[in-house]
C-alpha atoms as a PDB file:
ATOM      1  CA  MET A   1     -40.327 -10.041 -41.365  1.00  0.00           C
ATOM      2  CA  THR A   2     -37.511  -8.629 -40.699  1.00  0.00           C
ATOM      3  CA  ILE A   3     -36.823  -7.481 -37.215  1.00  0.00           C
ATOM      4  CA  GLU A   4     -34.904  -3.365 -37.435  1.00  0.00           C
ATOM      5  CA  ARG A   5     -32.847  -1.943 -33.414  1.00  0.00           C
ATOM      6  CA  THR A   6     -30.475   0.364 -33.044  1.00  0.00           C
ATOM      7  CA  ALA A   7     -26.948  -1.224 -32.404  1.00  0.00           C
ATOM      8  CA  SER A   8     -24.339   0.494 -30.082  1.00  0.00           C
ATOM      9  CA  PHE A   9     -20.767  -0.323 -29.338  1.00  0.00           C
ATOM     10  CA  GLN A  10     -17.473   1.141 -28.880  1.00  0.00           C
ATOM     11  CA  SER A  11     -14.053   1.579 -31.630  1.00  0.00           C
ATOM     12  CA  ARG A  12     -11.464   3.918 -29.926  1.00  0.00           C
ATOM     13  CA  TYR A  13     -13.175   5.294 -27.494  1.00  0.00           C
ATOM     14  CA  LEU A  14     -16.351   6.497 -29.566  1.00  0.00           C
ATOM     15  CA  ASN A  15     -19.474   5.423 -29.694  1.00  0.00           C
ATOM     16  CA  ILE A  16     -20.509   4.120 -32.606  1.00  0.00           C
ATOM     17  CA  VAL A  17     -24.477   4.043 -33.788  1.00  0.00           C
ATOM     18  CA  GLY A  18     -25.941   1.954 -36.766  1.00  0.00           C
ATOM     19  CA  THR A  19     -29.110  -0.004 -37.659  1.00  0.00           C
ATOM     20  CA  LEU A  20     -28.879  -3.948 -36.885  1.00  0.00           C
ATOM     21  CA  ARG A  21     -31.737  -6.383 -39.070  1.00  0.00           C
ATOM     22  CA  ILE A  22     -32.731  -9.807 -37.876  1.00  0.00           C
ATOM     23  CA  PRO A  23     -34.871 -11.924 -40.214  1.00  0.00           C
ATOM     24  CA  ALA A  24     -37.310 -14.073 -38.310  1.00  0.00           C
ATOM     25  CA  PRO A  25     -35.728 -17.010 -37.332  1.00  0.00           C
ATOM     26  CA  SER A  26     -36.848 -20.200 -39.622  1.00  0.00           C
ATOM     27  CA  GLY A  27     -35.567 -22.865 -37.066  1.00  0.00           C
ATOM     28  CA  LEU A  28     -35.031 -23.091 -33.437  1.00  0.00           C
ATOM     29  CA  ASN A  29     -31.888 -21.542 -32.168  1.00  0.00           C
ATOM     30  CA  GLN A  30     -30.952 -20.960 -35.797  1.00  0.00           C
ATOM     31  CA  LYS A  31     -27.730 -18.772 -36.101  1.00  0.00           C
ATOM     32  CA  ARG A  32     -27.319 -17.070 -38.894  1.00  0.00           C
ATOM     33  CA  ALA A  33     -24.453 -15.107 -41.013  1.00  0.00           C
ATOM     34  CA  ALA A  34     -24.076 -11.192 -41.069  1.00  0.00           C
ATOM     35  CA  ILE A  35     -22.626  -8.463 -43.043  1.00  0.00           C
ATOM     36  CA  VAL A  36     -21.047  -5.039 -42.261  1.00  0.00           C
ATOM     37  CA  ILE A  37     -22.023  -2.455 -44.801  1.00  0.00           C
ATOM     38  CA  SER A  38     -20.467   0.432 -43.989  1.00  0.00           C
ATOM     39  CA  HIS A  39     -20.971   3.861 -46.004  1.00  0.00           C
ATOM     40  CA  PRO A  40     -19.415   6.441 -48.863  1.00  0.00           C
ATOM     41  CA  GLY A  41     -17.641   8.492 -47.553  1.00  0.00           C
ATOM     42  CA  GLY A  42     -19.917  11.679 -46.383  1.00  0.00           C
ATOM     43  CA  GLY A  43     -22.735   9.224 -46.539  1.00  0.00           C
ATOM     44  CA  VAL A  44     -24.740   7.860 -43.502  1.00  0.00           C
ATOM     45  CA  LYS A  45     -26.134   4.411 -42.750  1.00  0.00           C
ATOM     46  CA  GLU A  46     -29.642   6.074 -43.836  1.00  0.00           C
ATOM     47  CA  GLN A  47     -28.505   5.776 -47.400  1.00  0.00           C
ATOM     48  CA  THR A  48     -27.287   3.307 -49.548  1.00  0.00           C
ATOM     49  CA  ALA A  49     -25.459   1.410 -47.083  1.00  0.00           C
ATOM     50  CA  GLY A  50     -29.159   1.026 -45.161  1.00  0.00           C
ATOM     51  CA  LEU A  51     -30.539   0.255 -48.896  1.00  0.00           C
ATOM     52  CA  TYR A  52     -28.480  -2.826 -49.060  1.00  0.00           C
ATOM     53  CA  ALA A  53     -28.770  -3.895 -45.577  1.00  0.00           C
ATOM     54  CA  HIS A  54     -32.578  -3.817 -46.277  1.00  0.00           C
ATOM     55  CA  LEU A  55     -32.238  -5.561 -49.019  1.00  0.00           C
ATOM     56  CA  LEU A  56     -29.437  -7.920 -47.647  1.00  0.00           C
ATOM     57  CA  ALA A  57     -31.946  -9.008 -44.303  1.00  0.00           C
ATOM     58  CA  ASN A  58     -34.880  -9.418 -46.913  1.00  0.00           C
ATOM     59  CA  GLU A  59     -32.789 -12.371 -48.369  1.00  0.00           C
ATOM     60  CA  GLY A  60     -31.122 -14.009 -44.701  1.00  0.00           C
ATOM     61  CA  PHE A  61     -28.446 -12.414 -43.818  1.00  0.00           C
ATOM     62  CA  VAL A  62     -28.392 -10.605 -40.232  1.00  0.00           C
ATOM     63  CA  THR A  63     -27.169  -7.080 -41.407  1.00  0.00           C
ATOM     64  CA  LEU A  64     -25.235  -4.122 -39.392  1.00  0.00           C
ATOM     65  CA  ALA A  65     -24.960  -1.068 -40.915  1.00  0.00           C
ATOM     66  CA  PHE A  66     -23.532   1.919 -39.248  1.00  0.00           C
ATOM     67  CA  ASP A  67     -22.596   5.548 -38.902  1.00  0.00           C
ATOM     68  CA  ALA A  68     -18.665   6.141 -39.266  1.00  0.00           C
ATOM     69  CA  GLY A  69     -16.949   7.970 -35.995  1.00  0.00           C
ATOM     70  CA  TYR A  70     -17.243  11.016 -36.353  1.00  0.00           C
ATOM     71  CA  GLN A  71     -20.074  11.055 -38.482  1.00  0.00           C
ATOM     72  CA  GLY A  72     -24.153  10.591 -38.676  1.00  0.00           C
ATOM     73  CA  GLU A  73     -25.462   9.401 -34.949  1.00  0.00           C
ATOM     74  CA  SER A  74     -21.611   8.189 -33.985  1.00  0.00           C
ATOM     75  CA  SER A  75     -19.532  10.595 -31.744  1.00  0.00           C
ATOM     76  CA  GLY A  76     -16.399  12.304 -32.400  1.00  0.00           C
ATOM     77  CA  GLU A  77     -15.562  15.562 -33.029  1.00  0.00           C
ATOM     78  CA  PRO A  78     -14.481  17.017 -34.892  1.00  0.00           C
ATOM     79  CA  ARG A  79     -18.030  16.386 -36.444  1.00  0.00           C
ATOM     80  CA  GLY A  80     -17.021  14.510 -40.261  1.00  0.00           C
ATOM     81  CA  LEU A  81     -13.747  13.667 -40.175  1.00  0.00           C
ATOM     82  CA  GLU A  82     -12.555  11.128 -42.570  1.00  0.00           C
ATOM     83  CA  ASP A  83      -9.767   9.052 -40.727  1.00  0.00           C
ATOM     84  CA  PRO A  84      -9.210   6.335 -42.177  1.00  0.00           C
ATOM     85  CA  SER A  85      -7.791   4.220 -39.299  1.00  0.00           C
ATOM     86  CA  GLN A  86     -10.965   5.380 -37.652  1.00  0.00           C
ATOM     87  CA  ARG A  87     -12.946   3.674 -40.458  1.00  0.00           C
ATOM     88  CA  VAL A  88     -10.967   1.008 -40.486  1.00  0.00           C
ATOM     89  CA  GLU A  89     -11.908   0.205 -37.040  1.00  0.00           C
ATOM     90  CA  ASP A  90     -14.981   0.554 -36.822  1.00  0.00           C
ATOM     91  CA  ILE A  91     -15.805  -1.992 -39.239  1.00  0.00           C
ATOM     92  CA  LYS A  92     -14.012  -4.081 -37.080  1.00  0.00           C
ATOM     93  CA  ALA A  93     -15.635  -3.088 -34.279  1.00  0.00           C
ATOM     94  CA  ALA A  94     -19.046  -3.915 -36.150  1.00  0.00           C
ATOM     95  CA  VAL A  95     -17.539  -7.433 -36.650  1.00  0.00           C
ATOM     96  CA  THR A  96     -17.222  -7.669 -33.085  1.00  0.00           C
ATOM     97  CA  HIS A  97     -20.149  -6.743 -32.299  1.00  0.00           C
ATOM     98  CA  LEU A  98     -22.137  -9.090 -34.682  1.00  0.00           C
ATOM     99  CA  SER A  99     -19.951 -11.745 -33.037  1.00  0.00           C
ATOM    100  CA  LEU A 100     -21.381 -11.761 -29.811  1.00  0.00           C
ATOM    101  CA  LEU A 101     -24.975 -11.603 -30.675  1.00  0.00           C
ATOM    102  CA  ASP A 102     -26.922 -14.584 -29.873  1.00  0.00           C
ATOM    103  CA  GLU A 103     -28.379 -14.434 -33.336  1.00  0.00           C
ATOM    104  CA  VAL A 104     -25.215 -14.706 -35.260  1.00  0.00           C
ATOM    105  CA  ASP A 105     -22.922 -16.986 -36.639  1.00  0.00           C
ATOM    106  CA  SER A 106     -19.467 -15.913 -35.636  1.00  0.00           C
ATOM    107  CA  GLU A 107     -17.920 -17.625 -38.209  1.00  0.00           C
ATOM    108  CA  ARG A 108     -20.065 -16.516 -40.766  1.00  0.00           C
ATOM    109  CA  ILE A 109     -19.073 -12.906 -41.388  1.00  0.00           C
ATOM    110  CA  GLY A 110     -18.962 -10.817 -44.102  1.00  0.00           C
ATOM    111  CA  ILE A 111     -18.572  -6.859 -45.045  1.00  0.00           C
ATOM    112  CA  LEU A 112     -19.339  -4.754 -47.728  1.00  0.00           C
ATOM    113  CA  GLY A 113     -17.874  -1.529 -48.365  1.00  0.00           C
ATOM    114  CA  ILE A 114     -19.834   1.058 -50.845  1.00  0.00           C
ATOM    115  CA  CYS A 115     -17.672   3.672 -52.418  1.00  0.00           C
ATOM    116  CA  ALA A 116     -14.630   4.898 -50.173  1.00  0.00           C
ATOM    117  CA  SER A 117     -15.136   1.805 -47.821  1.00  0.00           C
ATOM    118  CA  GLY A 118     -14.355  -0.530 -49.940  1.00  0.00           C
ATOM    119  CA  GLY A 119     -11.332   0.141 -49.879  1.00  0.00           C
ATOM    120  CA  TYR A 120     -11.963   0.645 -46.158  1.00  0.00           C
ATOM    121  CA  ALA A 121     -13.331  -3.436 -45.961  1.00  0.00           C
ATOM    122  CA  THR A 122     -10.935  -4.716 -48.166  1.00  0.00           C
ATOM    123  CA  PHE A 123      -7.875  -2.839 -45.862  1.00  0.00           C
ATOM    124  CA  ALA A 124      -9.555  -3.792 -42.635  1.00  0.00           C
ATOM    125  CA  ALA A 125     -10.348  -7.530 -44.098  1.00  0.00           C
ATOM    126  CA  GLN A 126      -6.271  -8.386 -44.978  1.00  0.00           C
ATOM    127  CA  THR A 127      -5.798  -8.724 -41.012  1.00  0.00           C
ATOM    128  CA  ASP A 128      -9.468  -9.035 -39.300  1.00  0.00           C
ATOM    129  CA  VAL A 129      -9.492 -13.027 -40.192  1.00  0.00           C
ATOM    130  CA  ARG A 130     -12.712 -13.045 -38.524  1.00  0.00           C
ATOM    131  CA  ILE A 131     -14.505 -11.134 -41.866  1.00  0.00           C
ATOM    132  CA  LYS A 132     -14.940 -14.935 -44.630  1.00  0.00           C
ATOM    133  CA  ALA A 133     -15.810 -12.503 -47.447  1.00  0.00           C
ATOM    134  CA  ILE A 134     -15.356  -9.360 -48.307  1.00  0.00           C
ATOM    135  CA  ALA A 135     -17.628  -7.003 -51.245  1.00  0.00           C
ATOM    136  CA  GLY A 136     -16.732  -4.039 -52.597  1.00  0.00           C
ATOM    137  CA  VAL A 137     -19.438  -1.759 -54.602  1.00  0.00           C
ATOM    138  CA  SER A 138     -18.258   1.278 -56.693  1.00  0.00           C
ATOM    139  CA  THR A 139     -15.139   0.924 -54.164  1.00  0.00           C
ATOM    140  CA  VAL A 140     -12.384   3.483 -54.051  1.00  0.00           C
ATOM    141  CA  ASP A 141      -9.118   4.241 -52.677  1.00  0.00           C
ATOM    142  CA  LEU A 142      -9.322   7.520 -50.424  1.00  0.00           C
ATOM    143  CA  GLY A 143      -6.268   7.558 -50.325  1.00  0.00           C
ATOM    144  CA  ALA A 144      -5.127   7.295 -53.970  1.00  0.00           C
ATOM    145  CA  ILE A 145      -8.388  10.023 -54.664  1.00  0.00           C
ATOM    146  CA  ILE A 146      -7.127  13.129 -52.739  1.00  0.00           C
ATOM    147  CA  ARG A 147      -2.820  12.258 -53.710  1.00  0.00           C
ATOM    148  CA  GLU A 148      -4.146  11.742 -57.277  1.00  0.00           C
ATOM    149  CA  GLY A 149      -7.872  12.876 -57.694  1.00  0.00           C
ATOM    150  CA  ILE A 150      -9.295  10.622 -60.635  1.00  0.00           C
ATOM    151  CA  LYS A 151      -7.528   9.498 -63.308  1.00  0.00           C
ATOM    152  CA  ASN A 152      -7.444   9.778 -66.908  1.00  0.00           C
ATOM    153  CA  THR A 153     -10.203  12.973 -66.366  1.00  0.00           C
ATOM    154  CA  ALA A 154     -10.130  16.490 -65.982  1.00  0.00           C
ATOM    155  CA  ALA A 155     -10.018  16.111 -62.011  1.00  0.00           C
ATOM    156  CA  ALA A 156      -7.033  14.285 -61.977  1.00  0.00           C
ATOM    157  CA  LEU A 157      -4.538  16.348 -59.737  1.00  0.00           C
ATOM    158  CA  PRO A 158      -0.572  17.517 -60.734  1.00  0.00           C
ATOM    159  CA  SER A 159       2.029  16.386 -58.783  1.00  0.00           C
ATOM    160  CA  HIS A 160       2.590  19.141 -56.984  1.00  0.00           C
ATOM    161  CA  ALA A 161      -1.254  19.276 -55.753  1.00  0.00           C
ATOM    162  CA  LEU A 162       0.339  16.979 -52.829  1.00  0.00           C
ATOM    163  CA  ALA A 163       2.965  19.432 -51.280  1.00  0.00           C
ATOM    164  CA  ALA A 164      -0.353  22.447 -51.150  1.00  0.00           C
ATOM    165  CA  THR A 165      -1.882  19.500 -49.646  1.00  0.00           C
ATOM    166  CA  LEU A 166      -0.334  19.028 -47.320  1.00  0.00           C
ATOM    167  CA  LYS A 167       0.822  22.667 -46.499  1.00  0.00           C
ATOM    168  CA  ASN A 168      -2.917  22.813 -46.529  1.00  0.00           C
ATOM    169  CA  ALA A 169      -3.971  19.990 -43.694  1.00  0.00           C
ATOM    170  CA  ALA A 170      -0.791  21.726 -41.882  1.00  0.00           C
ATOM    171  CA  ASN A 171      -2.043  25.295 -41.304  1.00  0.00           C
ATOM    172  CA  ALA A 172      -5.665  23.547 -40.026  1.00  0.00           C
ATOM    173  CA  ARG A 173      -4.017  22.084 -37.473  1.00  0.00           C
ATOM    174  CA  LEU A 174      -2.262  24.998 -36.552  1.00  0.00           C
ATOM    175  CA  SER A 175      -6.017  26.865 -36.541  1.00  0.00           C
ATOM    176  CA  GLU A 176      -7.550  24.362 -34.682  1.00  0.00           C
ATOM    177  CA  ALA A 177      -5.674  24.416 -31.803  1.00  0.00           C
ATOM    178  CA  ASN A 178      -5.654  27.756 -31.883  1.00  0.00           C
ATOM    179  CA  GLY A 179      -9.575  27.351 -30.948  1.00  0.00           C
ATOM    180  CA  GLU A 180     -10.596  28.239 -34.309  1.00  0.00           C
ATOM    181  CA  THR A 181     -14.003  26.381 -36.487  1.00  0.00           C
ATOM    182  CA  PRO A 182     -11.976  23.680 -38.548  1.00  0.00           C
ATOM    183  CA  GLN A 183     -11.916  24.581 -42.320  1.00  0.00           C
ATOM    184  CA  LEU A 184     -14.197  22.376 -44.254  1.00  0.00           C
ATOM    185  CA  LEU A 185     -14.218  21.419 -47.318  1.00  0.00           C
ATOM    186  CA  ARG A 186     -17.018  19.953 -49.920  1.00  0.00           C
ATOM    187  CA  TRP A 187     -17.334  15.853 -50.732  1.00  0.00           C
ATOM    188  CA  ALA A 188     -19.769  16.537 -53.669  1.00  0.00           C
ATOM    189  CA  PRO A 189     -21.242  20.372 -55.275  1.00  0.00           C
ATOM    190  CA  ASP A 190     -23.779  21.483 -53.380  1.00  0.00           C
ATOM    191  CA  ASP A 191     -25.917  21.938 -57.204  1.00  0.00           C
ATOM    192  CA  PRO A 192     -25.334  19.594 -59.916  1.00  0.00           C
ATOM    193  CA  LYS A 193     -26.289  22.174 -62.515  1.00  0.00           C
ATOM    194  CA  SER A 194     -22.578  23.904 -61.345  1.00  0.00           C
ATOM    195  CA  VAL A 195     -20.177  20.763 -62.208  1.00  0.00           C
ATOM    196  CA  PRO A 196     -18.566  22.056 -65.043  1.00  0.00           C
ATOM    197  CA  ALA A 197     -19.302  19.678 -68.691  1.00  0.00           C
ATOM    198  CA  ALA A 198     -15.809  18.924 -68.462  1.00  0.00           C
ATOM    199  CA  PHE A 199     -15.692  17.330 -65.444  1.00  0.00           C
ATOM    200  CA  PRO A 200     -15.838  13.234 -64.669  1.00  0.00           C
ATOM    201  CA  THR A 201     -19.477  11.746 -64.470  1.00  0.00           C
ATOM    202  CA  LEU A 202     -18.618  10.996 -61.178  1.00  0.00           C
ATOM    203  CA  PHE A 203     -18.686  14.913 -59.609  1.00  0.00           C
ATOM    204  CA  LYS A 204     -22.186  15.593 -61.064  1.00  0.00           C
ATOM    205  CA  GLU A 205     -23.877  12.262 -60.018  1.00  0.00           C
ATOM    206  CA  ALA A 206     -22.973  12.470 -56.322  1.00  0.00           C
ATOM    207  CA  ALA A 207     -24.638  16.041 -56.513  1.00  0.00           C
ATOM    208  CA  GLU A 208     -27.508  14.277 -58.051  1.00  0.00           C
ATOM    209  CA  TYR A 209     -27.452  11.691 -55.223  1.00  0.00           C
ATOM    210  CA  TYR A 210     -26.439  13.482 -52.121  1.00  0.00           C
ATOM    211  CA  ARG A 211     -27.719  17.319 -52.891  1.00  0.00           C
ATOM    212  CA  THR A 212     -30.907  16.137 -53.903  1.00  0.00           C
ATOM    213  CA  SER A 213     -33.506  14.242 -52.948  1.00  0.00           C
ATOM    214  CA  ARG A 214     -32.880  11.384 -54.360  1.00  0.00           C
ATOM    215  CA  GLY A 215     -30.505  10.766 -51.871  1.00  0.00           C
ATOM    216  CA  ALA A 216     -30.159  13.506 -49.027  1.00  0.00           C
ATOM    217  CA  HIS A 217     -30.277  13.322 -45.413  1.00  0.00           C
ATOM    218  CA  ARG A 218     -30.093  15.842 -42.911  1.00  0.00           C
ATOM    219  CA  ARG A 219     -27.057  14.185 -41.014  1.00  0.00           C
ATOM    220  CA  SER A 220     -24.872  14.055 -44.410  1.00  0.00           C
ATOM    221  CA  THR A 221     -23.773  17.315 -44.180  1.00  0.00           C
ATOM    222  CA  ASN A 222     -21.797  17.149 -47.289  1.00  0.00           C
ATOM    223  CA  ARG A 223     -18.759  18.676 -45.774  1.00  0.00           C
ATOM    224  CA  PHE A 224     -15.880  17.336 -44.437  1.00  0.00           C
ATOM    225  CA  PRO A 225     -12.564  18.410 -41.997  1.00  0.00           C
ATOM    226  CA  LEU A 226      -9.607  20.121 -43.956  1.00  0.00           C
ATOM    227  CA  ARG A 227      -7.292  18.461 -42.117  1.00  0.00           C
ATOM    228  CA  SER A 228      -8.883  14.704 -42.784  1.00  0.00           C
ATOM    229  CA  THR A 229      -6.784  15.140 -46.229  1.00  0.00           C
ATOM    230  CA  GLU A 230      -3.398  14.500 -43.958  1.00  0.00           C
ATOM    231  CA  LEU A 231      -4.701  11.345 -42.271  1.00  0.00           C
ATOM    232  CA  LEU A 232      -5.937  10.008 -46.049  1.00  0.00           C
ATOM    233  CA  VAL A 233      -2.685  11.384 -47.839  1.00  0.00           C
ATOM    234  CA  ASN A 234      -0.738   7.674 -47.120  1.00  0.00           C
ATOM    235  CA  PHE A 235      -3.825   5.338 -47.041  1.00  0.00           C
ATOM    236  CA  ASP A 236      -3.538   2.644 -49.440  1.00  0.00           C
ATOM    237  CA  ALA A 237      -6.314   0.646 -48.897  1.00  0.00           C
ATOM    238  CA  PHE A 238      -5.441  -2.149 -51.920  1.00  0.00           C
ATOM    239  CA  ALA A 239      -1.197  -2.942 -51.074  1.00  0.00           C
ATOM    240  CA  PHE A 240      -2.602  -5.805 -49.192  1.00  0.00           C
ATOM    241  CA  ASN A 241      -5.191  -7.350 -50.808  1.00  0.00           C
ATOM    242  CA  TYR A 242      -3.285 -10.869 -51.463  1.00  0.00           C
ATOM    243  CA  LEU A 243      -3.803 -11.110 -47.495  1.00  0.00           C
ATOM    244  CA  ILE A 244      -7.034 -12.007 -47.656  1.00  0.00           C
ATOM    245  CA  SER A 245      -6.531 -15.045 -49.772  1.00  0.00           C
ATOM    246  CA  PRO A 246      -8.123 -17.759 -49.035  1.00  0.00           C
ATOM    247  CA  ARG A 247     -11.375 -15.584 -47.960  1.00  0.00           C
ATOM    248  CA  ALA A 248     -13.043 -14.631 -51.294  1.00  0.00           C
ATOM    249  CA  ILE A 249     -12.974 -11.005 -52.392  1.00  0.00           C
ATOM    250  CA  LEU A 250     -15.939  -9.248 -54.893  1.00  0.00           C
ATOM    251  CA  MET A 251     -15.487  -6.053 -56.199  1.00  0.00           C
ATOM    252  CA  ILE A 252     -18.640  -4.764 -58.065  1.00  0.00           C
ATOM    253  CA  ALA A 253     -18.707  -1.225 -60.755  1.00  0.00           C
ATOM    254  CA  GLY A 254     -19.944   0.151 -63.257  1.00  0.00           C
ATOM    255  CA  SER A 255     -18.863  -0.438 -66.637  1.00  0.00           C
ATOM    256  CA  GLU A 256     -18.978   3.463 -67.117  1.00  0.00           C
ATOM    257  CA  ALA A 257     -17.799   4.314 -63.818  1.00  0.00           C
ATOM    258  CA  ASP A 258     -15.345   7.152 -63.671  1.00  0.00           C
ATOM    259  CA  THR A 259     -13.509   4.946 -61.007  1.00  0.00           C
ATOM    260  CA  ARG A 260     -13.588   1.630 -62.445  1.00  0.00           C
ATOM    261  CA  TYR A 261     -10.063   1.581 -62.420  1.00  0.00           C
ATOM    262  CA  HIS A 262     -10.619   1.510 -58.349  1.00  0.00           C
ATOM    263  CA  SER A 263     -11.545  -2.099 -58.468  1.00  0.00           C
ATOM    264  CA  GLU A 264      -9.402  -3.261 -60.976  1.00  0.00           C
ATOM    265  CA  LYS A 265      -6.675  -2.727 -58.954  1.00  0.00           C
ATOM    266  CA  ALA A 266      -7.723  -3.817 -55.573  1.00  0.00           C
ATOM    267  CA  ILE A 267      -8.577  -7.075 -57.543  1.00  0.00           C
ATOM    268  CA  ALA A 268      -5.381  -7.136 -59.485  1.00  0.00           C
ATOM    269  CA  ASN A 269      -3.717  -6.958 -55.826  1.00  0.00           C
ATOM    270  CA  ALA A 270      -5.722  -9.940 -54.135  1.00  0.00           C
ATOM    271  CA  ALA A 271      -5.187 -13.016 -55.200  1.00  0.00           C
ATOM    272  CA  GLU A 272      -8.016 -16.189 -55.091  1.00  0.00           C
ATOM    273  CA  PRO A 273     -10.519 -16.515 -54.871  1.00  0.00           C
ATOM    274  CA  LYS A 274     -11.476 -13.071 -56.535  1.00  0.00           C
ATOM    275  CA  GLU A 275     -13.574 -11.306 -58.694  1.00  0.00           C
ATOM    276  CA  LEU A 276     -14.470  -8.366 -60.580  1.00  0.00           C
ATOM    277  CA  PHE A 277     -17.968  -8.156 -61.857  1.00  0.00           C
ATOM    278  CA  LEU A 278     -18.988  -4.713 -63.957  1.00  0.00           C
ATOM    279  CA  VAL A 279     -22.406  -3.891 -64.129  1.00  0.00           C
ATOM    280  CA  PRO A 280     -22.641  -2.908 -68.280  1.00  0.00           C
ATOM    281  CA  ASN A 281     -23.219   1.024 -68.855  1.00  0.00           C
ATOM    282  CA  ARG A 282     -23.600   2.108 -65.174  1.00  0.00           C
ATOM    283  CA  SER A 283     -21.668   4.611 -63.719  1.00  0.00           C
ATOM    284  CA  HIS A 284     -20.297   5.348 -60.010  1.00  0.00           C
ATOM    285  CA  MET A 285     -23.285   6.545 -58.644  1.00  0.00           C
ATOM    286  CA  ALA A 286     -26.325   4.475 -60.323  1.00  0.00           C
ATOM    287  CA  LEU A 287     -24.941   1.255 -58.007  1.00  0.00           C
ATOM    288  CA  TYR A 288     -26.131   3.212 -54.498  1.00  0.00           C
ATOM    289  CA  ASP A 289     -30.107   3.102 -55.199  1.00  0.00           C
ATOM    290  CA  ASP A 290     -30.475   1.101 -58.314  1.00  0.00           C
ATOM    291  CA  PRO A 291     -29.857  -2.675 -56.853  1.00  0.00           C
ATOM    292  CA  THR A 292     -31.258  -4.511 -60.287  1.00  0.00           C
ATOM    293  CA  ALA A 293     -27.795  -5.687 -60.775  1.00  0.00           C
ATOM    294  CA  VAL A 294     -26.355  -6.046 -58.193  1.00  0.00           C
ATOM    295  CA  LEU A 295     -28.080  -7.703 -55.227  1.00  0.00           C
ATOM    296  CA  PRO A 296     -28.176 -11.273 -56.969  1.00  0.00           C
ATOM    297  CA  LYS A 297     -24.788 -11.239 -57.356  1.00  0.00           C
ATOM    298  CA  LEU A 298     -24.150 -10.274 -53.548  1.00  0.00           C
ATOM    299  CA  VAL A 299     -26.767 -12.856 -52.722  1.00  0.00           C
ATOM    300  CA  ASP A 300     -24.810 -15.734 -54.324  1.00  0.00           C
ATOM    301  CA  PHE A 301     -21.133 -13.974 -53.154  1.00  0.00           C
ATOM    302  CA  TYR A 302     -22.464 -14.383 -49.290  1.00  0.00           C
ATOM    303  CA  ALA A 303     -24.769 -17.421 -49.521  1.00  0.00           C
ATOM    304  CA  ASN A 304     -21.536 -18.993 -51.164  1.00  0.00           C
ATOM    305  CA  SER A 305     -18.537 -17.652 -49.349  1.00  0.00           C
ATOM    306  CA  LEU A 306     -20.351 -17.419 -45.943  1.00  0.00           C
ATOM    307  CA  SER A 307     -22.112 -21.025 -46.115  1.00  0.00           C
ATOM    308  CA  SER A 308     -22.086 -23.366 -43.243  1.00  0.00           C
END
């Protein structure tokens, strides 16, 4: 049996809300290994992050899936802002929250980031040595996506696009300062049928997950303020991944994912112990709600990396 309760903690003056899952104790005064699970860009804790949190709790880990600042049930204005520094701080604050719980062994805390949070998780772990094991599922560096789009696809961005992005973000700051409603961008197309055939499969997949009954949630609005792009442009998730060593890092990606190269870069920039685990014939979003191949690998990874 797993006990679920709402968690609330502070991160840079924002109130972060999460769901804490605690397996029933199997021994007197037993402290358990724990895992922070951070959701994709545009997601909320009830979607894929919640699924993995539930499954890992069933395997005996304390888990904490939370809504990032400005998103979901957490506080912060403007709503939906994607601020990489805040996202990283949220992860570190979640580690602090778990460390103070009686049920948790503070020396056995790992993190799991999904999609954009795979990048945020590795960045957080580079300097926060309390994090003992780092895993990513369908990891992306969202800063690189804003800078260059998706490489080697029809969604790759020309070099001059960056200047336009920064100009638009600057104008958005001025508009907000004048009291105008923040201009919003879509995370994914609202309709899977609207995605051009030449576009990467990721775009249609995202619409099929976030904008249909498959994964939709009322607090996952599929919108973020335009000026988030300026905050993301010079975020580099993987540059200092070598600092994670001697702690273990695992990247899991679908072999057919448009974003597979992000996981490959994360591992290339890391020192041992490290592993890239490819799920055959699976795409980026396929791993969001089909844990068949992913869960056993995660359980084995955390069991070994967070052993007492």
